[in-house]
Each structure stands twice: as structure tokens, then as C-alpha cells.
PDB file of all heavy atoms in Angstrom:
ATOM      1  N   LEU A   1       6.091  -0.822   5.946  1.00  0.00           N
ATOM      2  CA  LEU A   1       4.864  -1.429   5.441  1.00  0.00           C
ATOM      3  C   LEU A   1       5.135  -2.230   4.167  1.00  0.00           C
ATOM      4  O   LEU A   1       4.633  -3.349   4.004  1.00  0.00           O
ATOM      5  CB  LEU A   1       3.818  -0.345   5.175  1.00  0.00           C
ATOM      6  CG  LEU A   1       2.520  -0.813   4.504  1.00  0.00           C
ATOM      7  CD1 LEU A   1       1.814  -1.865   5.355  1.00  0.00           C
ATOM      8  CD2 LEU A   1       1.590   0.375   4.240  1.00  0.00           C
ATOM      9  N   PHE A   2       5.943  -1.682   3.285  1.00  0.00           N
ATOM     10  CA  PHE A   2       6.204  -2.356   2.007  1.00  0.00           C
ATOM     11  C   PHE A   2       7.097  -3.585   2.194  1.00  0.00           C
ATOM     12  O   PHE A   2       6.961  -4.561   1.455  1.00  0.00           O
ATOM     13  CB  PHE A   2       6.818  -1.363   1.022  1.00  0.00           C
ATOM     14  CG  PHE A   2       5.945  -0.161   0.792  1.00  0.00           C
ATOM     15  CD1 PHE A   2       6.234   1.053   1.397  1.00  0.00           C
ATOM     16  CD2 PHE A   2       4.798  -0.260   0.026  1.00  0.00           C
ATOM     17  CE1 PHE A   2       5.416   2.149   1.214  1.00  0.00           C
ATOM     18  CE2 PHE A   2       3.964   0.833  -0.157  1.00  0.00           C
ATOM     19  CZ  PHE A   2       4.275   2.041   0.436  1.00  0.00           C
ATOM     20  N   MET A   3       7.962  -3.563   3.201  1.00  0.00           N
ATOM     21  CA  MET A   3       8.758  -4.751   3.506  1.00  0.00           C
ATOM     22  C   MET A   3       7.867  -5.872   4.031  1.00  0.00           C
ATOM     23  O   MET A   3       8.088  -7.051   3.741  1.00  0.00           O
ATOM     24  CB  MET A   3       9.831  -4.414   4.538  1.00  0.00           C
ATOM     25  CG  MET A   3      10.942  -3.503   4.016  1.00  0.00           C
ATOM     26  SD  MET A   3      11.853  -4.245   2.640  1.00  0.00           S
ATOM     27  CE  MET A   3      12.543  -5.693   3.430  1.00  0.00           C
ATOM     28  N   LEU A   4       6.838  -5.519   4.812  1.00  0.00           N
ATOM     29  CA  LEU A   4       5.894  -6.528   5.287  1.00  0.00           C
ATOM     30  C   LEU A   4       5.088  -7.108   4.129  1.00  0.00           C
ATOM     31  O   LEU A   4       4.960  -8.331   3.998  1.00  0.00           O
ATOM     32  CB  LEU A   4       4.952  -5.910   6.326  1.00  0.00           C
ATOM     33  CG  LEU A   4       3.786  -6.811   6.781  1.00  0.00           C
ATOM     34  CD1 LEU A   4       4.314  -8.025   7.538  1.00  0.00           C
ATOM     35  CD2 LEU A   4       2.802  -6.026   7.651  1.00  0.00           C
ATOM     36  N   LEU A   5       4.540  -6.256   3.280  1.00  0.00           N
ATOM     37  CA  LEU A   5       3.718  -6.721   2.158  1.00  0.00           C
ATOM     38  C   LEU A   5       4.523  -7.588   1.200  1.00  0.00           C
ATOM     39  O   LEU A   5       3.973  -8.496   0.551  1.00  0.00           O
ATOM     40  CB  LEU A   5       3.117  -5.526   1.411  1.00  0.00           C
ATOM     41  CG  LEU A   5       2.138  -4.654   2.220  1.00  0.00           C
ATOM     42  CD1 LEU A   5       1.688  -3.442   1.406  1.00  0.00           C
ATOM     43  CD2 LEU A   5       0.930  -5.465   2.665  1.00  0.00           C
ATOM     44  N   ALA A   6       5.824  -7.341   1.107  1.00  0.00           N
ATOM     45  CA  ALA A   6       6.676  -8.122   0.201  1.00  0.00           C
ATOM     46  C   ALA A   6       6.781  -9.578   0.620  1.00  0.00           C
ATOM     47  O   ALA A   6       7.172 -10.430  -0.191  1.00  0.00           O
ATOM     48  CB  ALA A   6       8.072  -7.500   0.142  1.00  0.00           C
ATOM     49  N   GLN A   7       6.416  -9.896   1.858  1.00  0.00           N
ATOM     50  CA  GLN A   7       6.523 -11.272   2.344  1.00  0.00           C
ATOM     51  C   GLN A   7       5.274 -12.103   2.058  1.00  0.00           C
ATOM     52  O   GLN A   7       5.222 -13.279   2.416  1.00  0.00           O
ATOM     53  CB  GLN A   7       6.812 -11.254   3.854  1.00  0.00           C
ATOM     54  CG  GLN A   7       8.125 -10.562   4.206  1.00  0.00           C
ATOM     55  CD  GLN A   7       8.443 -10.612   5.683  1.00  0.00           C
ATOM     56  OE1 GLN A   7       7.733 -11.245   6.460  1.00  0.00           O
ATOM     57  NE2 GLN A   7       9.524  -9.941   6.083  1.00  0.00           N
ATOM     58  N   TYR A   8       4.274 -11.500   1.410  1.00  0.00           N
ATOM     59  CA  TYR A   8       3.022 -12.204   1.143  1.00  0.00           C
ATOM     60  C   TYR A   8       2.716 -12.182  -0.347  1.00  0.00           C
ATOM     61  O   TYR A   8       3.272 -11.361  -1.101  1.00  0.00           O
ATOM     62  CB  TYR A   8       1.880 -11.555   1.939  1.00  0.00           C
ATOM     63  CG  TYR A   8       2.068 -11.668   3.430  1.00  0.00           C
ATOM     64  CD1 TYR A   8       2.452 -10.567   4.189  1.00  0.00           C
ATOM     65  CD2 TYR A   8       1.895 -12.882   4.082  1.00  0.00           C
ATOM     66  CE1 TYR A   8       2.644 -10.668   5.562  1.00  0.00           C
ATOM     67  CE2 TYR A   8       2.081 -13.000   5.452  1.00  0.00           C
ATOM     68  CZ  TYR A   8       2.451 -11.892   6.178  1.00  0.00           C
ATOM     69  OH  TYR A   8       2.649 -11.997   7.538  1.00  0.00           O
ATOM     70  N   PRO A   9       1.810 -13.068  -0.795  1.00  0.00           N
ATOM     71  CA  PRO A   9       1.467 -13.113  -2.230  1.00  0.00           C
ATOM     72  C   PRO A   9       0.872 -11.790  -2.707  1.00  0.00           C
ATOM     73  O   PRO A   9       0.260 -11.045  -1.936  1.00  0.00           O
ATOM     74  CB  PRO A   9       0.421 -14.239  -2.301  1.00  0.00           C
ATOM     75  CG  PRO A   9       0.634 -15.050  -1.072  1.00  0.00           C
ATOM     76  CD  PRO A   9       1.122 -14.116  -0.029  1.00  0.00           C
ATOM     77  N   GLY A  10       1.067 -11.510  -3.995  1.00  0.00           N
ATOM     78  CA  GLY A  10       0.492 -10.301  -4.592  1.00  0.00           C
ATOM     79  C   GLY A  10       1.086  -9.029  -4.054  1.00  0.00           C
ATOM     80  O   GLY A  10       0.382  -8.023  -3.904  1.00  0.00           O
ATOM     81  N   ALA A  11       2.380  -9.032  -3.760  1.00  0.00           N
ATOM     82  CA  ALA A  11       3.015  -7.881  -3.121  1.00  0.00           C
ATOM     83  C   ALA A  11       2.889  -6.615  -3.968  1.00  0.00           C
ATOM     84  O   ALA A  11       2.685  -5.519  -3.432  1.00  0.00           O
ATOM     85  CB  ALA A  11       4.475  -8.180  -2.833  1.00  0.00           C
ATOM     86  N   ALA A  12       2.996  -6.745  -5.277  1.00  0.00           N
ATOM     87  CA  ALA A  12       2.906  -5.561  -6.143  1.00  0.00           C
ATOM     88  C   ALA A  12       1.518  -4.926  -6.040  1.00  0.00           C
ATOM     89  O   ALA A  12       1.386  -3.698  -5.932  1.00  0.00           O
ATOM     90  CB  ALA A  12       3.213  -5.944  -7.584  1.00  0.00           C
ATOM     91  N   LEU A  13       0.481  -5.766  -6.050  1.00  0.00           N
ATOM     92  CA  LEU A  13      -0.889  -5.251  -5.982  1.00  0.00           C
ATOM     93  C   LEU A  13      -1.179  -4.633  -4.616  1.00  0.00           C
ATOM     94  O   LEU A  13      -1.741  -3.528  -4.525  1.00  0.00           O
ATOM     95  CB  LEU A  13      -1.885  -6.379  -6.270  1.00  0.00           C
ATOM     96  CG  LEU A  13      -3.376  -5.999  -6.186  1.00  0.00           C
ATOM     97  CD1 LEU A  13      -3.691  -4.912  -7.203  1.00  0.00           C
ATOM     98  CD2 LEU A  13      -4.251  -7.230  -6.410  1.00  0.00           C
ATOM     99  N   THR A  14      -0.811  -5.324  -3.543  1.00  0.00           N
ATOM    100  CA  THR A  14      -1.093  -4.794  -2.201  1.00  0.00           C
ATOM    101  C   THR A  14      -0.264  -3.539  -1.922  1.00  0.00           C
ATOM    102  O   THR A  14      -0.739  -2.617  -1.248  1.00  0.00           O
ATOM    103  CB  THR A  14      -0.816  -5.850  -1.127  1.00  0.00           C
ATOM    104  OG1 THR A  14       0.535  -6.349  -1.263  1.00  0.00           O
ATOM    105  CG2 THR A  14      -1.783  -7.018  -1.257  1.00  0.00           C
ATOM    106  N   SER A  15       0.960  -3.493  -2.440  1.00  0.00           N
ATOM    107  CA  SER A  15       1.776  -2.288  -2.253  1.00  0.00           C
ATOM    108  C   SER A  15       1.175  -1.100  -2.995  1.00  0.00           C
ATOM    109  O   SER A  15       1.174   0.032  -2.493  1.00  0.00           O
ATOM    110  CB  SER A  15       3.206  -2.536  -2.737  1.00  0.00           C
ATOM    111  OG  SER A  15       3.846  -3.519  -1.951  1.00  0.00           O
ATOM    112  N   PHE A  16       0.665  -1.366  -4.198  1.00  0.00           N
ATOM    113  CA  PHE A  16       0.001  -0.291  -4.935  1.00  0.00           C
ATOM    114  C   PHE A  16      -1.246   0.180  -4.185  1.00  0.00           C
ATOM    115  O   PHE A  16      -1.510   1.385  -4.089  1.00  0.00           O
ATOM    116  CB  PHE A  16      -0.379  -0.781  -6.337  1.00  0.00           C
ATOM    117  CG  PHE A  16      -1.070   0.265  -7.162  1.00  0.00           C
ATOM    118  CD1 PHE A  16      -0.351   1.312  -7.724  1.00  0.00           C
ATOM    119  CD2 PHE A  16      -2.440   0.217  -7.370  1.00  0.00           C
ATOM    120  CE1 PHE A  16      -0.991   2.295  -8.477  1.00  0.00           C
ATOM    121  CE2 PHE A  16      -3.087   1.184  -8.119  1.00  0.00           C
ATOM    122  CZ  PHE A  16      -2.359   2.232  -8.678  1.00  0.00           C
ATOM    123  N   ALA A  17      -2.006  -0.778  -3.619  1.00  0.00           N
ATOM    124  CA  ALA A  17      -3.186  -0.412  -2.823  1.00  0.00           C
ATOM    125  C   ALA A  17      -2.787   0.424  -1.615  1.00  0.00           C
ATOM    126  O   ALA A  17      -3.490   1.380  -1.236  1.00  0.00           O
ATOM    127  CB  ALA A  17      -3.923  -1.676  -2.376  1.00  0.00           C
ATOM    128  N   ALA A  18      -1.646   0.073  -1.005  1.00  0.00           N
ATOM    129  CA  ALA A  18      -1.168   0.844   0.152  1.00  0.00           C
ATOM    130  C   ALA A  18      -0.814   2.271  -0.254  1.00  0.00           C
ATOM    131  O   ALA A  18      -1.105   3.229   0.479  1.00  0.00           O
ATOM    132  CB  ALA A  18       0.040   0.157   0.770  1.00  0.00           C
ATOM    133  N   ILE A  19      -0.196   2.431  -1.419  1.00  0.00           N
ATOM    134  CA  ILE A  19       0.142   3.777  -1.903  1.00  0.00           C
ATOM    135  C   ILE A  19      -1.133   4.582  -2.133  1.00  0.00           C
ATOM    136  O   ILE A  19      -1.220   5.770  -1.780  1.00  0.00           O
ATOM    137  CB  ILE A  19       0.974   3.694  -3.202  1.00  0.00           C
ATOM    138  CG1 ILE A  19       2.346   3.094  -2.911  1.00  0.00           C
ATOM    139  CG2 ILE A  19       1.127   5.079  -3.830  1.00  0.00           C
ATOM    140  CD1 ILE A  19       3.178   2.856  -4.152  1.00  0.00           C
ATOM    141  N   VAL A  20      -2.142   3.929  -2.723  1.00  0.00           N
ATOM    142  CA  VAL A  20      -3.426   4.606  -2.936  1.00  0.00           C
ATOM    143  C   VAL A  20      -4.036   5.018  -1.597  1.00  0.00           C
ATOM    144  O   VAL A  20      -4.545   6.137  -1.441  1.00  0.00           O
ATOM    145  CB  VAL A  20      -4.395   3.699  -3.722  1.00  0.00           C
ATOM    146  CG1 VAL A  20      -5.793   4.319  -3.776  1.00  0.00           C
ATOM    147  CG2 VAL A  20      -3.876   3.452  -5.134  1.00  0.00           C
ATOM    148  N   LEU A  21      -3.986   4.115  -0.605  1.00  0.00           N
ATOM    149  CA  LEU A  21      -4.515   4.428   0.720  1.00  0.00           C
ATOM    150  C   LEU A  21      -3.819   5.643   1.320  1.00  0.00           C
ATOM    151  O   LEU A  21      -4.470   6.555   1.835  1.00  0.00           O
ATOM    152  CB  LEU A  21      -4.345   3.226   1.647  1.00  0.00           C
ATOM    153  CG  LEU A  21      -5.459   2.185   1.665  1.00  0.00           C
ATOM    154  CD1 LEU A  21      -5.051   1.000   2.532  1.00  0.00           C
ATOM    155  CD2 LEU A  21      -6.752   2.785   2.203  1.00  0.00           C
ATOM    156  N   VAL A  22      -2.492   5.633   1.270  1.00  0.00           N
ATOM    157  CA  VAL A  22      -1.740   6.760   1.825  1.00  0.00           C
ATOM    158  C   VAL A  22      -2.118   8.043   1.096  1.00  0.00           C
ATOM    159  O   VAL A  22      -2.343   9.094   1.714  1.00  0.00           O
ATOM    160  CB  VAL A  22      -0.221   6.507   1.723  1.00  0.00           C
ATOM    161  CG1 VAL A  22       0.552   7.754   2.152  1.00  0.00           C
ATOM    162  CG2 VAL A  22       0.182   5.332   2.588  1.00  0.00           C
ATOM    163  N   GLY A  23      -2.214   7.958  -0.230  1.00  0.00           N
ATOM    164  CA  GLY A  23      -2.555   9.137  -1.012  1.00  0.00           C
ATOM    165  C   GLY A  23      -3.932   9.681  -0.680  1.00  0.00           C
ATOM    166  O   GLY A  23      -4.117  10.898  -0.516  1.00  0.00           O
ATOM    167  N   VAL A  24      -4.909   8.799  -0.541  1.00  0.00           N
ATOM    168  CA  VAL A  24      -6.269   9.265  -0.256  1.00  0.00           C
ATOM    169  C   VAL A  24      -6.388   9.744   1.189  1.00  0.00           C
ATOM    170  O   VAL A  24      -7.076  10.729   1.469  1.00  0.00           O
ATOM    171  CB  VAL A  24      -7.300   8.157  -0.569  1.00  0.00           C
ATOM    172  CG1 VAL A  24      -8.705   8.634  -0.239  1.00  0.00           C
ATOM    173  CG2 VAL A  24      -7.229   7.765  -2.032  1.00  0.00           C
ATOM    174  N   PHE A  25      -5.714   9.057   2.135  1.00  0.00           N
ATOM    175  CA  PHE A  25      -5.677   9.564   3.507  1.00  0.00           C
ATOM    176  C   PHE A  25      -5.016  10.952   3.529  1.00  0.00           C
ATOM    177  O   PHE A  25      -5.440  11.848   4.267  1.00  0.00           O
ATOM    178  CB  PHE A  25      -4.906   8.616   4.413  1.00  0.00           C
ATOM    179  CG  PHE A  25      -5.733   7.481   4.955  1.00  0.00           C
ATOM    180  CD1 PHE A  25      -5.243   6.182   4.950  1.00  0.00           C
ATOM    181  CD2 PHE A  25      -6.987   7.701   5.490  1.00  0.00           C
ATOM    182  CE1 PHE A  25      -5.993   5.128   5.455  1.00  0.00           C
ATOM    183  CE2 PHE A  25      -7.748   6.658   6.004  1.00  0.00           C
ATOM    184  CZ  PHE A  25      -7.248   5.371   5.980  1.00  0.00           C
ATOM    185  N   PHE A  26      -3.960  11.099   2.744  1.00  0.00           N
ATOM    186  CA  PHE A  26      -3.264  12.373   2.579  1.00  0.00           C
ATOM    187  C   PHE A  26      -4.261  13.446   2.143  1.00  0.00           C
ATOM    188  O   PHE A  26      -4.368  14.519   2.754  1.00  0.00           O
ATOM    189  CB  PHE A  26      -2.185  12.171   1.511  1.00  0.00           C
ATOM    190  CG  PHE A  26      -1.219  13.297   1.297  1.00  0.00           C
ATOM    191  CD1 PHE A  26       0.146  13.060   1.337  1.00  0.00           C
ATOM    192  CD2 PHE A  26      -1.654  14.584   1.009  1.00  0.00           C
ATOM    193  CE1 PHE A  26       1.061  14.076   1.108  1.00  0.00           C
ATOM    194  CE2 PHE A  26      -0.744  15.609   0.774  1.00  0.00           C
ATOM    195  CZ  PHE A  26       0.616  15.353   0.826  1.00  0.00           C
ATOM    196  N   ILE A  27      -5.019  13.149   1.099  1.00  0.00           N
ATOM    197  CA  ILE A  27      -5.951  14.125   0.532  1.00  0.00           C
ATOM    198  C   ILE A  27      -7.091  14.441   1.499  1.00  0.00           C
ATOM    199  O   ILE A  27      -7.420  15.617   1.732  1.00  0.00           O
ATOM    200  CB  ILE A  27      -6.517  13.608  -0.802  1.00  0.00           C
ATOM    201  CG1 ILE A  27      -5.393  13.543  -1.854  1.00  0.00           C
ATOM    202  CG2 ILE A  27      -7.641  14.512  -1.308  1.00  0.00           C
ATOM    203  CD1 ILE A  27      -5.783  12.807  -3.119  1.00  0.00           C
ATOM    204  N   SER A  28      -7.690  13.393   2.095  1.00  0.00           N
ATOM    205  CA  SER A  28      -8.846  13.630   2.962  1.00  0.00           C
ATOM    206  C   SER A  28      -8.470  14.385   4.231  1.00  0.00           C
ATOM    207  O   SER A  28      -9.207  15.270   4.688  1.00  0.00           O
ATOM    208  CB  SER A  28      -9.527  12.301   3.314  1.00  0.00           C
ATOM    209  OG  SER A  28      -8.642  11.440   4.003  1.00  0.00           O
ATOM    210  N   GLY A  29      -7.299  14.055   4.816  1.00  0.00           N
ATOM    211  CA  GLY A  29      -6.877  14.765   6.022  1.00  0.00           C
ATOM    212  C   GLY A  29      -6.542  16.222   5.749  1.00  0.00           C
ATOM    213  O   GLY A  29      -6.974  17.129   6.467  1.00  0.00           O
TER     214      GLY A  29
END
């Protein structure tokens, strides 16, 4: 996922958002 996001603008921001998503999915599940 992070290799894909690195190919588009704002990779640092979208990667951080992805980490947050994984973390919250982790918590809710």
C-alpha cells in the first residue's frame, strides 16, 4: 500500500492517513 501511495502527490500525508486507518480498523475490529 505504501509503495502505491509513494507514486502519487502528498505521499507522506496519505501514508499517514493509511496508518491511522489501519490503526482504527485494528481498534474497532
